[in-house]
C-alpha cells in the first residue's frame, strides 16, 4: 500500500533503529560500514542502522534520504498508521515525531467487517502489551511501534469468530491465545519474508 507521507520525515528523525536483512546487499553497500552493527538476536549478516545524537537517520541529509532508491525494506514497508490502527499512540513515546503524525489519522469504518478487523488489531495490541515476551522478536524491542507491527501480524487470532474467550480459567485462556498467536506469527513470517527481501 502506498503510504501518504508527503513531506513528512518523522520516521527518519524519531530515534529508530533500522533492521537491514542480509539479503539487502545493495542497501548494505550504500551505507558506510561504521554506521552498521550486527542486529541483536538475528542471524549472521543481519544489520542495524542507528541514529545520530538528534535521533536522525545518518542517511538523511538536508531532509532528504540519500539512499532512497536503495532504502531498507524496513523503511519501505513502514506506515505510521499502524499506531493509529493498534490504538498504541501515546503522548510519552520515545518516538515522539511518529506518534505526533499518527495522531492525525482517522479511520472510517463503512462496514461491520471493517470495525471487526480494527477491533481485532486493537485486541491483539492490548494482549501483546501485557505479554510482550510471547513472541521471540519482542526481545529486540517492546516499544509501541514494534508491538503495533506484531499486532497486525497476528490480529486474525483475535477475530470474534475465535472461541478462546469461552475458556473459563484465565491461565488456560492465556496459554491458548499464546499458542494461537505464535502459530499465526510463524505463518505470517513464512508468507512475507520473501516479499520483504524483494522490496
Protein backbone atom coordinates (compact mmCIF):
# COMPACT_ATOMS: atom_id res chain seq x y z
CA UNK A 1 0.00 0.00 0.00
CA UNK A 2 1.29 3.47 -0.88
CA UNK A 3 1.91 5.46 2.29
CA UNK A 4 0.79 9.13 2.01
CA UNK A 5 3.93 10.59 3.60
CA UNK A 6 4.00 13.86 1.67
CA UNK A 7 6.95 15.84 3.01
CA UNK A 8 6.83 14.16 6.44
CA UNK A 9 10.16 12.73 7.64
CA UNK A 10 9.10 11.89 11.21
CA UNK A 11 10.15 8.23 11.00
CA UNK A 12 13.62 9.30 9.80
CA UNK A 13 14.03 11.58 12.83
CA UNK A 14 12.47 9.64 15.71
CA UNK A 15 15.40 7.68 17.17
CA UNK A 16 14.59 4.44 15.34
CA UNK A 17 16.98 1.56 14.80
CA UNK A 18 16.56 0.23 11.25
CA UNK A 19 16.87 -3.51 10.71
CA UNK A 20 18.51 -4.43 7.40
CA UNK A 21 18.20 -8.01 6.12
CA UNK A 22 21.40 -9.74 5.00
CA UNK A 23 19.81 -10.23 1.55
CA UNK A 24 19.64 -6.44 1.07
CA UNK A 25 23.11 -6.29 -0.42
CA UNK A 26 22.51 -3.10 -2.44
CA UNK A 27 21.32 -1.27 0.67
CA UNK A 28 24.23 -2.52 2.76
CA UNK A 29 26.74 -1.46 0.08
CA UNK A 30 25.40 2.13 0.15
CA UNK A 31 25.76 2.61 3.92
CA UNK A 32 29.21 3.28 5.43
CA UNK A 33 30.30 0.22 7.43
CA UNK A 34 30.95 2.29 10.55
CA UNK A 35 27.23 3.11 10.77
CA UNK A 36 26.17 -0.55 10.85
CA UNK A 37 26.30 -3.11 13.63
CA UNK A 38 25.05 -6.71 13.96
CA UNK A 39 21.31 -6.95 14.64
CA UNK A 40 20.68 -8.47 18.10
CA UNK A 41 19.10 -11.95 18.09
CA UNK A 42 19.11 -12.10 14.29
CA UNK A 43 21.03 -14.50 12.01
CA UNK A 44 24.56 -13.56 11.00
CA UNK A 45 24.64 -10.87 8.31
CA UNK A 46 21.54 -9.02 9.53
CA UNK A 47 22.49 -5.47 10.47
CA UNK A 48 21.08 -2.45 12.27
CA UNK A 49 21.47 1.18 11.25
CA UNK A 50 21.44 3.55 14.22
CA UNK A 51 20.74 7.27 14.53
CA UNK A 52 22.68 10.41 15.44
CA UNK A 53 22.58 12.41 18.68
CA UNK A 54 19.45 14.22 17.46
CA UNK A 55 17.60 10.97 16.69
CA UNK A 56 18.03 11.35 12.93
CA UNK A 57 18.96 8.59 10.50
CA UNK A 58 22.52 9.35 9.36
CA UNK A 59 21.43 8.76 5.76
CA UNK A 60 19.01 11.70 5.99
CA UNK A 61 20.85 14.81 4.79
CA UNK A 62 19.12 18.17 4.34
CA UNK A 63 15.77 16.45 4.90
CA UNK A 64 16.39 14.02 2.01
CA UNK A 65 17.15 10.30 2.14
CA UNK A 66 20.47 9.86 0.35
CA UNK A 67 19.81 6.16 -0.33
CA UNK A 68 16.10 6.44 -1.14
CA UNK A 69 16.14 4.15 -4.20
CA UNK A 70 18.09 1.57 -2.16
CA UNK A 71 16.50 2.21 1.24
CA UNK A 72 15.96 -0.79 3.57
CA UNK A 73 12.81 -2.92 3.32
CA UNK A 74 12.06 -1.78 6.90
CA UNK A 75 11.77 1.82 5.64
CA UNK A 76 9.84 0.84 2.51
CA UNK A 77 7.21 -1.03 4.49
CA UNK A 78 6.85 1.31 7.49
CA UNK A 79 3.50 3.07 7.90
CA UNK A 80 2.81 5.26 10.95
CA UNK A 81 -0.89 4.40 10.61
CA UNK A 82 -0.11 1.11 12.35
CA UNK A 83 -0.01 3.06 15.64
CA UNK A 84 -3.44 4.53 14.97
CA UNK A 85 -4.84 1.12 14.00
CA UNK A 86 -3.43 -0.60 17.08
CA UNK A 87 -4.53 2.16 19.47
CA UNK A 88 -0.97 2.45 20.80
CA UNK A 89 -0.43 6.15 20.07
CA UNK A 90 1.00 7.60 23.29
CA UNK A 91 1.90 11.09 24.50
CA UNK A 92 5.14 9.93 26.13
CA UNK A 93 6.52 7.93 23.22
CA UNK A 94 10.25 7.60 22.67
CA UNK A 95 9.35 8.14 19.00
CA UNK A 96 7.54 11.44 19.56
CA UNK A 97 7.58 12.60 15.92
CA UNK A 98 5.97 9.38 14.69
CA UNK A 99 3.33 9.43 17.42
CA UNK A 100 2.52 13.05 16.61
CA UNK A 101 1.95 12.14 12.95
CA UNK A 102 -0.04 9.01 13.84
CA UNK A 103 -2.47 11.10 15.90
CA UNK A 104 -3.55 12.86 12.68
CA UNK A 105 -5.05 9.73 11.16
CA UNK A 106 -8.71 8.77 11.50
CA UNK A 107 -10.15 5.56 10.07
CA UNK A 108 -13.59 5.34 8.55
CA UNK A 109 -15.34 2.00 9.04
CA UNK A 110 -18.02 1.81 6.35
CA UNK A 111 -18.85 -1.84 7.04
CA UNK A 112 -19.24 -4.08 10.09
CA UNK A 113 -16.32 -6.10 8.83
CA UNK A 114 -14.06 -3.01 8.93
CA UNK A 115 -14.98 -2.48 12.60
CA UNK A 116 -14.44 -6.18 13.29
CA UNK A 117 -10.95 -6.13 11.77
CA UNK A 118 -9.90 -2.93 13.56
CA UNK A 119 -11.14 -4.30 16.90
CA UNK A 120 -9.11 -7.47 16.32
CA UNK A 121 -5.93 -5.44 15.72
CA UNK A 122 -6.55 -3.41 18.89
CA UNK A 123 -7.30 -6.55 20.94
CA UNK A 124 -4.06 -8.08 19.65
CA UNK A 125 -2.14 -4.92 20.63
CA UNK A 126 -3.60 -4.99 24.17
CA UNK A 127 -2.71 -8.66 24.57
CA UNK A 128 0.85 -8.18 23.30
CA UNK A 129 1.32 -5.15 25.57
CA UNK A 130 0.64 -7.43 28.55
CA UNK A 131 2.56 -10.43 27.12
CA UNK A 132 5.49 -8.81 25.29
CA UNK A 133 7.74 -11.87 25.54
CA UNK A 134 5.34 -14.38 23.98
CA UNK A 135 6.99 -13.78 20.58
CA UNK A 136 10.74 -14.09 20.25
CA UNK A 137 11.10 -10.86 18.25
CA UNK A 138 9.75 -8.95 21.24
CA UNK A 139 13.08 -9.43 23.00
CA UNK A 140 14.58 -6.99 20.49
CA UNK A 141 12.10 -4.22 21.24
CA UNK A 142 8.93 -3.71 23.23
CA UNK A 143 8.03 -0.19 22.15
CA UNK A 144 4.69 0.80 20.65
CA UNK A 145 5.93 0.61 17.05
CA UNK A 146 7.14 -2.96 17.39
CA UNK A 147 4.02 -4.01 19.28
CA UNK A 148 1.82 -2.40 16.60
CA UNK A 149 3.63 -4.36 13.87
CA UNK A 150 3.22 -7.58 15.86
CA UNK A 151 -0.49 -6.84 16.42
CA UNK A 152 -1.05 -6.55 12.68
CA UNK A 153 0.84 -9.80 12.07
CA UNK A 154 -1.36 -11.78 14.50
CA UNK A 155 -4.68 -9.91 14.52
CA UNK A 156 -6.51 -12.88 12.97
CA UNK A 157 -6.26 -14.73 16.30
CA UNK A 158 -8.44 -12.02 17.87
CA UNK A 159 -11.27 -12.01 15.35
CA UNK A 160 -14.68 -12.54 17.02
CA UNK A 161 -15.09 -15.98 15.43
CA UNK A 162 -12.22 -17.32 17.57
CA UNK A 163 -13.70 -19.15 20.55
CA UNK A 164 -10.80 -18.91 23.08
CA UNK A 165 -12.87 -16.48 25.21
CA UNK A 166 -15.19 -19.32 26.16
CA UNK A 167 -12.47 -20.92 28.26
CA UNK A 168 -13.17 -20.42 31.94
CA UNK A 169 -9.69 -20.34 33.52
CA UNK A 170 -7.60 -17.26 32.81
CA UNK A 171 -4.39 -19.31 32.80
CA UNK A 172 -5.81 -21.60 30.13
CA UNK A 173 -7.06 -18.58 28.17
CA UNK A 174 -3.59 -17.07 28.05
CA UNK A 175 -1.78 -20.28 27.11
CA UNK A 176 -4.32 -21.00 24.36
CA UNK A 177 -4.02 -17.46 22.98
CA UNK A 178 -0.21 -17.51 23.11
CA UNK A 179 -0.11 -20.77 21.14
CA UNK A 180 -2.51 -19.35 18.55
CA UNK A 181 -0.51 -16.09 18.36
CA UNK A 182 2.77 -17.97 17.81
CA UNK A 183 1.23 -20.10 15.04
CA UNK A 184 -0.21 -17.00 13.36
CA UNK A 185 3.10 -15.14 13.68
CA UNK A 186 5.11 -18.02 12.19
CA UNK A 187 2.65 -18.29 9.31
CA UNK A 188 2.93 -14.55 8.62
CA UNK A 189 6.74 -14.62 8.70
CA UNK A 190 6.95 -17.55 6.26
CA UNK A 191 4.47 -15.94 3.89
CA UNK A 192 6.00 -12.45 3.89
CA UNK A 193 9.76 -12.96 4.32
CA UNK A 194 10.43 -13.43 0.57
CA UNK A 195 8.43 -10.27 -0.21
CA UNK A 196 10.45 -8.22 2.31
CA UNK A 197 13.70 -9.32 0.69
CA UNK A 198 12.46 -8.36 -2.77
CA UNK A 199 11.23 -4.90 -1.69
